[in-house]
Amino acid sequence: MNLWAEIMDRLQLTLRTKPRALKRPIRSAYCGDLLSDVLAHANPGDLWITIHRHRNIVAVAALVKLSGIIITGGRTPDPDTLETAERECIPLFTTPLDNFQAAGKIYAILSDYF
């Protein structure tokens, strides 16, 4: 099982964008909800865990060159967020897990890979 598939399975992720976006490599993960903090401290290749669902998250992900965005807590992304993520080719997921659960599972998965 590849890394994307394992993360999608173990975090109960639903891909909300087209699968073509899954070509981005995952290097690590970043959990945070303050956009300025993500801009300042996330690294290219990070998979971002957040509660936000508005289109500004896609702009942040594009600027930082994140590998994707996971919206937690069963929240649904706004329609314009989905459109923007498609246009920017950024994978956008939802999960019923909360931030803590998602971060813990990603940490365990990435620890086995890196």
PDB file of N, CA and C in Angstrom:
ATOM      1  N   MET A   1       0.857  -1.177   0.000  1.00  0.00           N
ATOM      2  CA  MET A   1       0.000   0.000   0.000  1.00  0.00           C
ATOM      3  C   MET A   1       0.901   1.237   0.000  1.00  0.00           C
ATOM      4  N   ASN A   2       0.614   2.190  -0.878  1.00  0.00           N
ATOM      5  CA  ASN A   2       1.444   3.397  -0.906  1.00  0.00           C
ATOM      6  C   ASN A   2       1.048   4.344   0.230  1.00  0.00           C
ATOM      7  N   LEU A   3       1.856   5.357   0.439  1.00  0.00           N
ATOM      8  CA  LEU A   3       1.659   6.265   1.565  1.00  0.00           C
ATOM      9  C   LEU A   3       0.312   6.973   1.503  1.00  0.00           C
ATOM     10  N   TRP A   4      -0.049   7.516   0.336  1.00  0.00           N
ATOM     11  CA  TRP A   4      -1.352   8.190   0.209  1.00  0.00           C
ATOM     12  C   TRP A   4      -2.489   7.235   0.562  1.00  0.00           C
ATOM     13  N   ALA A   5      -2.440   6.017   0.040  1.00  0.00           N
ATOM     14  CA  ALA A   5      -3.511   5.040   0.282  1.00  0.00           C
ATOM     15  C   ALA A   5      -3.610   4.684   1.761  1.00  0.00           C
ATOM     16  N   GLU A   6      -2.470   4.514   2.409  1.00  0.00           N
ATOM     17  CA  GLU A   6      -2.488   4.172   3.835  1.00  0.00           C
ATOM     18  C   GLU A   6      -3.058   5.310   4.671  1.00  0.00           C
ATOM     19  N   ILE A   7      -2.654   6.533   4.382  1.00  0.00           N
ATOM     20  CA  ILE A   7      -3.189   7.687   5.119  1.00  0.00           C
ATOM     21  C   ILE A   7      -4.692   7.804   4.891  1.00  0.00           C
ATOM     22  N   MET A   8      -5.124   7.647   3.650  1.00  0.00           N
ATOM     23  CA  MET A   8      -6.553   7.748   3.355  1.00  0.00           C
ATOM     24  C   MET A   8      -7.344   6.678   4.101  1.00  0.00           C
ATOM     25  N   ASP A   9      -6.808   5.481   4.165  1.00  0.00           N
ATOM     26  CA  ASP A   9      -7.496   4.382   4.839  1.00  0.00           C
ATOM     27  C   ASP A   9      -7.545   4.589   6.353  1.00  0.00           C
ATOM     28  N   ARG A  10      -6.411   4.837   6.959  1.00  0.00           N
ATOM     29  CA  ARG A  10      -6.343   4.897   8.427  1.00  0.00           C
ATOM     30  C   ARG A  10      -6.982   6.145   9.014  1.00  0.00           C
ATOM     31  N   LEU A  11      -7.057   7.224   8.231  1.00  0.00           N
ATOM     32  CA  LEU A  11      -7.688   8.450   8.726  1.00  0.00           C
ATOM     33  C   LEU A  11      -9.131   8.602   8.245  1.00  0.00           C
ATOM     34  N   GLN A  12      -9.635   7.566   7.576  1.00  0.00           N
ATOM     35  CA  GLN A  12     -11.020   7.584   7.084  1.00  0.00           C
ATOM     36  C   GLN A  12     -11.272   8.813   6.206  1.00  0.00           C
ATOM     37  N   LEU A  13     -10.311   9.092   5.322  1.00  0.00           N
ATOM     38  CA  LEU A  13     -10.394  10.297   4.499  1.00  0.00           C
ATOM     39  C   LEU A  13     -11.312  10.096   3.303  1.00  0.00           C
ATOM     40  N   THR A  14     -12.030  11.159   2.982  1.00  0.00           N
ATOM     41  CA  THR A  14     -12.800  11.231   1.746  1.00  0.00           C
ATOM     42  C   THR A  14     -12.131  12.274   0.872  1.00  0.00           C
ATOM     43  N   LEU A  15     -11.681  11.865  -0.296  1.00  0.00           N
ATOM     44  CA  LEU A  15     -11.053  12.796  -1.231  1.00  0.00           C
ATOM     45  C   LEU A  15     -12.139  13.637  -1.887  1.00  0.00           C
ATOM     46  N   ARG A  16     -12.035  14.956  -1.766  1.00  0.00           N
ATOM     47  CA  ARG A  16     -13.039  15.872  -2.307  1.00  0.00           C
ATOM     48  C   ARG A  16     -12.617  16.497  -3.633  1.00  0.00           C
ATOM     49  N   THR A  17     -11.374  16.262  -4.034  1.00  0.00           N
ATOM     50  CA  THR A  17     -10.874  16.763  -5.315  1.00  0.00           C
ATOM     51  C   THR A  17     -10.540  15.565  -6.198  1.00  0.00           C
ATOM     52  N   LYS A  18     -10.156  15.828  -7.421  1.00  0.00           N
ATOM     53  CA  LYS A  18      -9.839  14.740  -8.349  1.00  0.00           C
ATOM     54  C   LYS A  18      -8.544  14.035  -7.944  1.00  0.00           C
ATOM     55  N   PRO A  19      -8.462  12.727  -8.172  1.00  0.00           N
ATOM     56  CA  PRO A  19      -7.275  11.960  -7.778  1.00  0.00           C
ATOM     57  C   PRO A  19      -5.970  12.426  -8.409  1.00  0.00           C
ATOM     58  N   ARG A  20      -6.014  13.169  -9.510  1.00  0.00           N
ATOM     59  CA  ARG A  20      -4.775  13.630 -10.158  1.00  0.00           C
ATOM     60  C   ARG A  20      -3.910  14.446  -9.203  1.00  0.00           C
ATOM     61  N   ALA A  21      -4.540  15.023  -8.178  1.00  0.00           N
ATOM     62  CA  ALA A  21      -3.803  15.840  -7.215  1.00  0.00           C
ATOM     63  C   ALA A  21      -2.945  15.001  -6.267  1.00  0.00           C
ATOM     64  N   LEU A  22      -3.130  13.694  -6.262  1.00  0.00           N
ATOM     65  CA  LEU A  22      -2.401  12.837  -5.320  1.00  0.00           C
ATOM     66  C   LEU A  22      -0.975  12.532  -5.750  1.00  0.00           C
ATOM     67  N   LYS A  23      -0.445  13.294  -6.661  1.00  0.00           N
ATOM     68  CA  LYS A  23       0.930  13.096  -7.112  1.00  0.00           C
ATOM     69  C   LYS A  23       1.939  13.828  -6.230  1.00  0.00           C
ATOM     70  N   ARG A  24       1.464  14.715  -5.382  1.00  0.00           N
ATOM     71  CA  ARG A  24       2.376  15.487  -4.528  1.00  0.00           C
ATOM     72  C   ARG A  24       2.987  14.582  -3.454  1.00  0.00           C
ATOM     73  N   PRO A  25       4.293  14.674  -3.240  1.00  0.00           N
ATOM     74  CA  PRO A  25       4.910  13.859  -2.187  1.00  0.00           C
ATOM     75  C   PRO A  25       4.564  14.392  -0.795  1.00  0.00           C
ATOM     76  N   ILE A  26       4.447  13.473   0.151  1.00  0.00           N
ATOM     77  CA  ILE A  26       4.203  13.838   1.549  1.00  0.00           C
ATOM     78  C   ILE A  26       5.522  13.715   2.287  1.00  0.00           C
ATOM     79  N   ARG A  27       5.952  14.775   2.933  1.00  0.00           N
ATOM     80  CA  ARG A  27       7.208  14.760   3.681  1.00  0.00           C
ATOM     81  C   ARG A  27       6.970  14.721   5.191  1.00  0.00           C
ATOM     82  N   SER A  28       5.882  15.361   5.631  1.00  0.00           N
ATOM     83  CA  SER A  28       5.544  15.422   7.046  1.00  0.00           C
ATOM     84  C   SER A  28       4.103  15.912   7.143  1.00  0.00           C
ATOM     85  N   ALA A  29       3.711  16.359   8.327  1.00  0.00           N
ATOM     86  CA  ALA A  29       2.362  16.901   8.514  1.00  0.00           C
ATOM     87  C   ALA A  29       2.438  18.118   9.419  1.00  0.00           C
ATOM     88  N   TYR A  30       1.429  18.965   9.311  1.00  0.00           N
ATOM     89  CA  TYR A  30       1.341  20.157  10.150  1.00  0.00           C
ATOM     90  C   TYR A  30      -0.103  20.300  10.597  1.00  0.00           C
ATOM     91  N   CYS A  31      -0.300  20.484  11.888  1.00  0.00           N
ATOM     92  CA  CYS A  31      -1.635  20.646  12.454  1.00  0.00           C
ATOM     93  C   CYS A  31      -1.738  22.049  13.026  1.00  0.00           C
ATOM     94  N   GLY A  32      -2.655  22.850  12.482  1.00  0.00           N
ATOM     95  CA  GLY A  32      -2.827  24.208  12.979  1.00  0.00           C
ATOM     96  C   GLY A  32      -3.987  24.896  12.298  1.00  0.00           C
ATOM     97  N   ASP A  33      -4.574  25.843  13.023  1.00  0.00           N
ATOM     98  CA  ASP A  33      -5.744  26.540  12.502  1.00  0.00           C
ATOM     99  C   ASP A  33      -5.546  28.040  12.357  1.00  0.00           C
ATOM    100  N   LEU A  34      -4.401  28.540  12.749  1.00  0.00           N
ATOM    101  CA  LEU A  34      -4.098  29.957  12.560  1.00  0.00           C
ATOM    102  C   LEU A  34      -3.336  30.079  11.239  1.00  0.00           C
ATOM    103  N   LEU A  35      -3.959  30.696  10.250  1.00  0.00           N
ATOM    104  CA  LEU A  35      -3.379  30.729   8.906  1.00  0.00           C
ATOM    105  C   LEU A  35      -1.982  31.331   8.887  1.00  0.00           C
ATOM    106  N   SER A  36      -1.771  32.393   9.656  1.00  0.00           N
ATOM    107  CA  SER A  36      -0.450  33.023   9.681  1.00  0.00           C
ATOM    108  C   SER A  36       0.603  32.084  10.268  1.00  0.00           C
ATOM    109  N   ASP A  37       0.204  31.243  11.214  1.00  0.00           N
ATOM    110  CA  ASP A  37       1.130  30.269  11.795  1.00  0.00           C
ATOM    111  C   ASP A  37       1.507  29.206  10.762  1.00  0.00           C
ATOM    112  N   VAL A  38       0.535  28.761   9.993  1.00  0.00           N
ATOM    113  CA  VAL A  38       0.813  27.776   8.944  1.00  0.00           C
ATOM    114  C   VAL A  38       1.743  28.381   7.896  1.00  0.00           C
ATOM    115  N   LEU A  39       1.479  29.621   7.513  1.00  0.00           N
ATOM    116  CA  LEU A  39       2.355  30.304   6.551  1.00  0.00           C
ATOM    117  C   LEU A  39       3.787  30.405   7.066  1.00  0.00           C
ATOM    118  N   ALA A  40       3.933  30.659   8.359  1.00  0.00           N
ATOM    119  CA  ALA A  40       5.261  30.874   8.940  1.00  0.00           C
ATOM    120  C   ALA A  40       6.002  29.582   9.269  1.00  0.00           C
ATOM    121  N   HIS A  41       5.273  28.499   9.584  1.00  0.00           N
ATOM    122  CA  HIS A  41       5.952  27.334  10.144  1.00  0.00           C
ATOM    123  C   HIS A  41       5.762  26.016   9.400  1.00  0.00           C
ATOM    124  N   ALA A  42       4.765  25.903   8.561  1.00  0.00           N
ATOM    125  CA  ALA A  42       4.608  24.666   7.783  1.00  0.00           C
ATOM    126  C   ALA A  42       5.673  24.631   6.691  1.00  0.00           C
ATOM    127  N   ASN A  43       6.006  23.444   6.257  1.00  0.00           N
ATOM    128  CA  ASN A  43       7.046  23.265   5.240  1.00  0.00           C
ATOM    129  C   ASN A  43       6.462  22.672   3.961  1.00  0.00           C
ATOM    130  N   PRO A  44       7.102  22.950   2.833  1.00  0.00           N
ATOM    131  CA  PRO A  44       6.659  22.314   1.592  1.00  0.00           C
ATOM    132  C   PRO A  44       6.613  20.794   1.765  1.00  0.00           C
ATOM    133  N   GLY A  45       5.557  20.189   1.256  1.00  0.00           N
ATOM    134  CA  GLY A  45       5.394  18.748   1.382  1.00  0.00           C
ATOM    135  C   GLY A  45       4.631  18.308   2.610  1.00  0.00           C
ATOM    136  N   ASP A  46       4.319  19.238   3.516  1.00  0.00           N
ATOM    137  CA  ASP A  46       3.516  18.885   4.687  1.00  0.00           C
ATOM    138  C   ASP A  46       2.068  18.642   4.276  1.00  0.00           C
ATOM    139  N   LEU A  47       1.426  17.731   4.966  1.00  0.00           N
ATOM    140  CA  LEU A  47      -0.001  17.496   4.832  1.00  0.00           C
ATOM    141  C   LEU A  47      -0.653  18.257   5.981  1.00  0.00           C
ATOM    142  N   TRP A  48      -1.519  19.204   5.666  1.00  0.00           N
ATOM    143  CA  TRP A  48      -2.063  20.132   6.658  1.00  0.00           C
ATOM    144  C   TRP A  48      -3.377  19.611   7.236  1.00  0.00           C
ATOM    145  N   ILE A  49      -3.442  19.560   8.563  1.00  0.00           N
ATOM    146  CA  ILE A  49      -4.634  19.156   9.299  1.00  0.00           C
ATOM    147  C   ILE A  49      -5.258  20.415   9.889  1.00  0.00           C
ATOM    148  N   THR A  50      -6.541  20.662   9.581  1.00  0.00           N
ATOM    149  CA  THR A  50      -7.190  21.897  10.026  1.00  0.00           C
ATOM    150  C   THR A  50      -8.695  21.708  10.179  1.00  0.00           C
ATOM    151  N   ILE A  51      -9.314  22.628  10.917  1.00  0.00           N
ATOM    152  CA  ILE A  51     -10.777  22.647  11.010  1.00  0.00           C
ATOM    153  C   ILE A  51     -11.377  23.609   9.990  1.00  0.00           C
ATOM    154  N   HIS A  52     -10.550  24.436   9.393  1.00  0.00           N
ATOM    155  CA  HIS A  52     -11.058  25.448   8.455  1.00  0.00           C
ATOM    156  C   HIS A  52     -11.594  24.805   7.185  1.00  0.00           C
ATOM    157  N   ARG A  53     -12.592  25.461   6.587  1.00  0.00           N
ATOM    158  CA  ARG A  53     -13.198  24.933   5.372  1.00  0.00           C
ATOM    159  C   ARG A  53     -13.377  26.000   4.297  1.00  0.00           C
ATOM    160  N   HIS A  54     -12.899  27.212   4.554  1.00  0.00           N
ATOM    161  CA  HIS A  54     -13.044  28.317   3.602  1.00  0.00           C
ATOM    162  C   HIS A  54     -11.892  28.316   2.596  1.00  0.00           C
ATOM    163  N   ARG A  55     -12.059  29.055   1.503  1.00  0.00           N
ATOM    164  CA  ARG A  55     -11.091  28.979   0.398  1.00  0.00           C
ATOM    165  C   ARG A  55      -9.712  29.531   0.728  1.00  0.00           C
ATOM    166  N   ASN A  56      -9.572  30.315   1.778  1.00  0.00           N
ATOM    167  CA  ASN A  56      -8.253  30.840   2.133  1.00  0.00           C
ATOM    168  C   ASN A  56      -7.261  29.729   2.471  1.00  0.00           C
ATOM    169  N   ILE A  57      -7.765  28.572   2.896  1.00  0.00           N
ATOM    170  CA  ILE A  57      -6.843  27.473   3.204  1.00  0.00           C
ATOM    171  C   ILE A  57      -6.123  26.988   1.950  1.00  0.00           C
ATOM    172  N   VAL A  58      -6.789  27.076   0.821  1.00  0.00           N
ATOM    173  CA  VAL A  58      -6.160  26.648  -0.434  1.00  0.00           C
ATOM    174  C   VAL A  58      -5.059  27.625  -0.830  1.00  0.00           C
ATOM    175  N   ALA A  59      -5.302  28.908  -0.621  1.00  0.00           N
ATOM    176  CA  ALA A  59      -4.271  29.909  -0.923  1.00  0.00           C
ATOM    177  C   ALA A  59      -3.029  29.673  -0.065  1.00  0.00           C
ATOM    178  N   VAL A  60      -3.239  29.393   1.220  1.00  0.00           N
ATOM    179  CA  VAL A  60      -2.116  29.115   2.117  1.00  0.00           C
ATOM    180  C   VAL A  60      -1.380  27.855   1.652  1.00  0.00           C
ATOM    181  N   ALA A  61      -2.120  26.808   1.344  1.00  0.00           N
ATOM    182  CA  ALA A  61      -1.500  25.556   0.891  1.00  0.00           C
ATOM    183  C   ALA A  61      -0.693  25.758  -0.385  1.00  0.00           C
ATOM    184  N   ALA A  62      -1.202  26.563  -1.291  1.00  0.00           N
ATOM    185  CA  ALA A  62      -0.483  26.826  -2.546  1.00  0.00           C
ATOM    186  C   ALA A  62       0.790  27.626  -2.290  1.00  0.00           C
ATOM    187  N   LEU A  63       0.706  28.630  -1.431  1.00  0.00           N
ATOM    188  CA  LEU A  63       1.883  29.456  -1.134  1.00  0.00           C
ATOM    189  C   LEU A  63       3.004  28.645  -0.489  1.00  0.00           C
ATOM    190  N   VAL A  64       2.628  27.768   0.434  1.00  0.00           N
ATOM    191  CA  VAL A  64       3.625  26.981   1.163  1.00  0.00           C
ATOM    192  C   VAL A  64       4.031  25.724   0.384  1.00  0.00           C
ATOM    193  N   LYS A  65       3.266  25.378  -0.647  1.00  0.00           N
ATOM    194  CA  LYS A  65       3.492  24.155  -1.427  1.00  0.00           C
ATOM    195  C   LYS A  65       3.249  22.899  -0.579  1.00  0.00           C
ATOM    196  N   LEU A  66       2.125  22.917   0.136  1.00  0.00           N
ATOM    197  CA  LEU A  66       1.749  21.778   0.964  1.00  0.00           C
ATOM    198  C   LEU A  66       1.306  20.617   0.081  1.00  0.00           C
ATOM    199  N   SER A  67       1.412  19.400   0.608  1.00  0.00           N
ATOM    200  CA  SER A  67       1.031  18.223  -0.173  1.00  0.00           C
ATOM    201  C   SER A  67      -0.475  18.024  -0.217  1.00  0.00           C
ATOM    202  N   GLY A  68      -1.197  18.594   0.729  1.00  0.00           N
ATOM    203  CA  GLY A  68      -2.646  18.467   0.752  1.00  0.00           C
ATOM    204  C   GLY A  68      -3.229  19.056   2.017  1.00  0.00           C
ATOM    205  N   ILE A  69      -4.561  19.050   2.078  1.00  0.00           N
ATOM    206  CA  ILE A  69      -5.294  19.608   3.215  1.00  0.00           C
ATOM    207  C   ILE A  69      -6.289  18.565   3.707  1.00  0.00           C
ATOM    208  N   ILE A  70      -6.323  18.360   5.023  1.00  0.00           N
ATOM    209  CA  ILE A  70      -7.316  17.494   5.651  1.00  0.00           C
ATOM    210  C   ILE A  70      -8.197  18.368   6.537  1.00  0.00           C
ATOM    211  N   ILE A  71      -9.483  18.402   6.236  1.00  0.00           N
ATOM    212  CA  ILE A  71     -10.454  19.134   7.055  1.00  0.00           C
ATOM    213  C   ILE A  71     -11.072  18.121   8.015  1.00  0.00           C
ATOM    214  N   THR A  72     -10.954  18.379   9.304  1.00  0.00           N
ATOM    215  CA  THR A  72     -11.348  17.415  10.329  1.00  0.00           C
ATOM    216  C   THR A  72     -12.745  17.684  10.887  1.00  0.00           C
ATOM    217  N   GLY A  73     -13.160  16.769  11.760  1.00  0.00           N
ATOM    218  CA  GLY A  73     -14.406  16.944  12.496  1.00  0.00           C
ATOM    219  C   GLY A  73     -15.666  16.764  11.674  1.00  0.00           C
ATOM    220  N   GLY A  74     -15.565  16.115  10.524  1.00  0.00           N
ATOM    221  CA  GLY A  74     -16.734  15.922   9.685  1.00  0.00           C
ATOM    222  C   GLY A  74     -17.235  17.177   8.995  1.00  0.00           C
ATOM    223  N   ARG A  75     -16.418  18.225   9.019  1.00  0.00           N
ATOM    224  CA  ARG A  75     -16.814  19.476   8.356  1.00  0.00           C
ATOM    225  C   ARG A  75     -16.747  19.317   6.840  1.00  0.00           C
ATOM    226  N   THR A  76     -17.610  20.048   6.155  1.00  0.00           N
ATOM    227  CA  THR A  76     -17.668  20.015   4.696  1.00  0.00           C
ATOM    228  C   THR A  76     -17.070  21.292   4.136  1.00  0.00           C
ATOM    229  N   PRO A  77     -16.175  21.190   3.161  1.00  0.00           N
ATOM    230  CA  PRO A  77     -15.582  22.405   2.585  1.00  0.00           C
ATOM    231  C   PRO A  77     -16.625  23.224   1.831  1.00  0.00           C
ATOM    232  N   ASP A  78     -16.440  24.537   1.864  1.00  0.00           N
ATOM    233  CA  ASP A  78     -17.303  25.426   1.093  1.00  0.00           C
ATOM    234  C   ASP A  78     -17.144  25.106  -0.391  1.00  0.00           C
ATOM    235  N   PRO A  79     -18.192  25.319  -1.194  1.00  0.00           N
ATOM    236  CA  PRO A  79     -18.090  25.052  -2.637  1.00  0.00           C
ATOM    237  C   PRO A  79     -16.944  25.802  -3.313  1.00  0.00           C
ATOM    238  N   ASP A  80     -16.719  27.064  -2.932  1.00  0.00           N
ATOM    239  CA  ASP A  80     -15.620  27.804  -3.565  1.00  0.00           C
ATOM    240  C   ASP A  80     -14.256  27.276  -3.120  1.00  0.00           C
ATOM    241  N   THR A  81     -14.191  26.643  -1.967  1.00  0.00           N
ATOM    242  CA  THR A  81     -12.953  26.004  -1.528  1.00  0.00           C
ATOM    243  C   THR A  81     -12.632  24.823  -2.449  1.00  0.00           C
ATOM    244  N   LEU A  82     -13.637  24.040  -2.756  1.00  0.00           N
ATOM    245  CA  LEU A  82     -13.444  22.902  -3.663  1.00  0.00           C
ATOM    246  C   LEU A  82     -13.019  23.359  -5.052  1.00  0.00           C
ATOM    247  N   GLU A  83     -13.665  24.392  -5.555  1.00  0.00           N
ATOM    248  CA  GLU A  83     -13.305  24.925  -6.877  1.00  0.00           C
ATOM    249  C   GLU A  83     -11.858  25.395  -6.908  1.00  0.00           C
ATOM    250  N   THR A  84     -11.462  26.119  -5.869  1.00  0.00           N
ATOM    251  CA  THR A  84     -10.102  26.653  -5.807  1.00  0.00           C
ATOM    252  C   THR A  84      -9.083  25.523  -5.674  1.00  0.00           C
ATOM    253  N   ALA A  85      -9.384  24.518  -4.858  1.00  0.00           N
ATOM    254  CA  ALA A  85      -8.475  23.377  -4.694  1.00  0.00           C
ATOM    255  C   ALA A  85      -8.307  22.621  -6.012  1.00  0.00           C
ATOM    256  N   GLU A  86      -9.392  22.460  -6.753  1.00  0.00           N
ATOM    257  CA  GLU A  86      -9.310  21.807  -8.069  1.00  0.00           C
ATOM    258  C   GLU A  86      -8.419  22.608  -9.014  1.00  0.00           C
ATOM    259  N   ARG A  87      -8.635  23.902  -9.039  1.00  0.00           N
ATOM    260  CA  ARG A  87      -7.863  24.772  -9.935  1.00  0.00           C
ATOM    261  C   ARG A  87      -6.378  24.746  -9.582  1.00  0.00           C
ATOM    262  N   GLU A  88      -6.063  24.725  -8.283  1.00  0.00           N
ATOM    263  CA  GLU A  88      -4.670  24.724  -7.822  1.00  0.00           C
ATOM    264  C   GLU A  88      -4.073  23.313  -7.774  1.00  0.00           C
ATOM    265  N   CYS A  89      -4.904  22.304  -8.037  1.00  0.00           N
ATOM    266  CA  CYS A  89      -4.470  20.901  -8.015  1.00  0.00           C
ATOM    267  C   CYS A  89      -3.919  20.502  -6.637  1.00  0.00           C
ATOM    268  N   ILE A  90      -4.643  20.909  -5.599  1.00  0.00           N
ATOM    269  CA  ILE A  90      -4.265  20.576  -4.225  1.00  0.00           C
ATOM    270  C   ILE A  90      -5.267  19.559  -3.686  1.00  0.00           C
ATOM    271  N   PRO A  91      -4.801  18.392  -3.245  1.00  0.00           N
ATOM    272  CA  PRO A  91      -5.721  17.401  -2.691  1.00  0.00           C
ATOM    273  C   PRO A  91      -6.416  17.936  -1.439  1.00  0.00           C
ATOM    274  N   LEU A  92      -7.714  17.784  -1.400  1.00  0.00           N
ATOM    275  CA  LEU A  92      -8.516  18.252  -0.271  1.00  0.00           C
ATOM    276  C   LEU A  92      -9.337  17.073   0.233  1.00  0.00           C
ATOM    277  N   PHE A  93      -9.213  16.799   1.528  1.00  0.00           N
ATOM    278  CA  PHE A  93      -9.882  15.655   2.145  1.00  0.00           C
ATOM    279  C   PHE A  93     -10.754  16.111   3.303  1.00  0.00           C
ATOM    280  N   THR A  94     -11.716  15.256   3.663  1.00  0.00           N
ATOM    281  CA  THR A  94     -12.453  15.430   4.908  1.00  0.00           C
ATOM    282  C   THR A  94     -12.336  14.135   5.696  1.00  0.00           C
ATOM    283  N   THR A  95     -12.467  14.259   7.019  1.00  0.00           N
ATOM    284  CA  THR A  95     -12.443  13.099   7.902  1.00  0.00           C
ATOM    285  C   THR A  95     -13.367  13.358   9.089  1.00  0.00           C
ATOM    286  N   PRO A  96     -13.973  12.306   9.624  1.00  0.00           N
ATOM    287  CA  PRO A  96     -14.772  12.477  10.836  1.00  0.00           C
ATOM    288  C   PRO A  96     -13.903  12.635  12.088  1.00  0.00           C
ATOM    289  N   LEU A  97     -12.614  12.309  11.977  1.00  0.00           N
ATOM    290  CA  LEU A  97     -11.707  12.415  13.124  1.00  0.00           C
ATOM    291  C   LEU A  97     -11.484  13.872  13.505  1.00  0.00           C
ATOM    292  N   ASP A  98     -11.141  14.105  14.781  1.00  0.00           N
ATOM    293  CA  ASP A  98     -10.768  15.462  15.185  1.00  0.00           C
ATOM    294  C   ASP A  98      -9.271  15.670  14.934  1.00  0.00           C
ATOM    295  N   ASN A  99      -8.793  16.890  15.156  1.00  0.00           N
ATOM    296  CA  ASN A  99      -7.389  17.211  14.876  1.00  0.00           C
ATOM    297  C   ASN A  99      -6.426  16.299  15.636  1.00  0.00           C
ATOM    298  N   PHE A 100      -6.702  16.070  16.906  1.00  0.00           N
ATOM    299  CA  PHE A 100      -5.822  15.258  17.737  1.00  0.00           C
ATOM    300  C   PHE A 100      -5.720  13.833  17.196  1.00  0.00           C
ATOM    301  N   GLN A 101      -6.859  13.237  16.889  1.00  0.00           N
ATOM    302  CA  GLN A 101      -6.867  11.871  16.364  1.00  0.00           C
ATOM    303  C   GLN A 101      -6.148  11.794  15.018  1.00  0.00           C
ATOM    304  N   ALA A 102      -6.429  12.742  14.140  1.00  0.00           N
ATOM    305  CA  ALA A 102      -5.806  12.744  12.809  1.00  0.00           C
ATOM    306  C   ALA A 102      -4.292  12.913  12.917  1.00  0.00           C
ATOM    307  N   ALA A 103      -3.853  13.844  13.758  1.00  0.00           N
ATOM    308  CA  ALA A 103      -2.417  14.083  13.916  1.00  0.00           C
ATOM    309  C   ALA A 103      -1.714  12.849  14.484  1.00  0.00           C
ATOM    310  N   GLY A 104      -2.326  12.204  15.456  1.00  0.00           N
ATOM    311  CA  GLY A 104      -1.734  11.006  16.043  1.00  0.00           C
ATOM    312  C   GLY A 104      -1.581   9.881  15.036  1.00  0.00           C
ATOM    313  N   LYS A 105      -2.602   9.680  14.228  1.00  0.00           N
ATOM    314  CA  LYS A 105      -2.554   8.615  13.225  1.00  0.00           C
ATOM    315  C   LYS A 105      -1.517   8.917  12.138  1.00  0.00           C
ATOM    316  N   ILE A 106      -1.460  10.173  11.703  1.00  0.00           N
ATOM    317  CA  ILE A 106      -0.463  10.528  10.684  1.00  0.00           C
ATOM    318  C   ILE A 106       0.947  10.382  11.245  1.00  0.00           C
ATOM    319  N   TYR A 107       1.145  10.782  12.497  1.00  0.00           N
ATOM    320  CA  TYR A 107       2.460  10.627  13.115  1.00  0.00           C
ATOM    321  C   TYR A 107       2.881   9.154  13.101  1.00  0.00           C
ATOM    322  N   ALA A 108       1.971   8.275  13.486  1.00  0.00           N
ATOM    323  CA  ALA A 108       2.288   6.845  13.517  1.00  0.00           C
ATOM    324  C   ALA A 108       2.622   6.322  12.117  1.00  0.00           C
ATOM    325  N   ILE A 109       1.858   6.736  11.129  1.00  0.00           N
ATOM    326  CA  ILE A 109       2.100   6.280   9.751  1.00  0.00           C
ATOM    327  C   ILE A 109       3.441   6.790   9.242  1.00  0.00           C
ATOM    328  N   LEU A 110       3.682   8.090   9.395  1.00  0.00           N
ATOM    329  CA  LEU A 110       4.916   8.682   8.870  1.00  0.00           C
ATOM    330  C   LEU A 110       6.151   8.160   9.599  1.00  0.00           C
ATOM    331  N   SER A 111       6.005   7.810  10.877  1.00  0.00           N
ATOM    332  CA  SER A 111       7.129   7.244  11.633  1.00  0.00           C
ATOM    333  C   SER A 111       7.586   5.922  11.024  1.00  0.00           C
ATOM    334  N   ASP A 112       6.658   5.181  10.446  1.00  0.00           N
ATOM    335  CA  ASP A 112       7.005   3.914   9.795  1.00  0.00           C
ATOM    336  C   ASP A 112       7.669   4.120   8.437  1.00  0.00           C
ATOM    337  N   TYR A 113       7.402   5.257   7.798  1.00  0.00           N
ATOM    338  CA  TYR A 113       7.928   5.524   6.455  1.00  0.00           C
ATOM    339  C   TYR A 113       9.275   6.250   6.465  1.00  0.00           C
ATOM    340  N   PHE A 114       9.473   7.107   7.463  1.00  0.00           N
ATOM    341  CA  PHE A 114      10.678   7.952   7.438  1.00  0.00           C
ATOM    342  C   PHE A 114      11.570   7.685   8.622  1.00  0.00           C
TER     343      PHE A 114
END
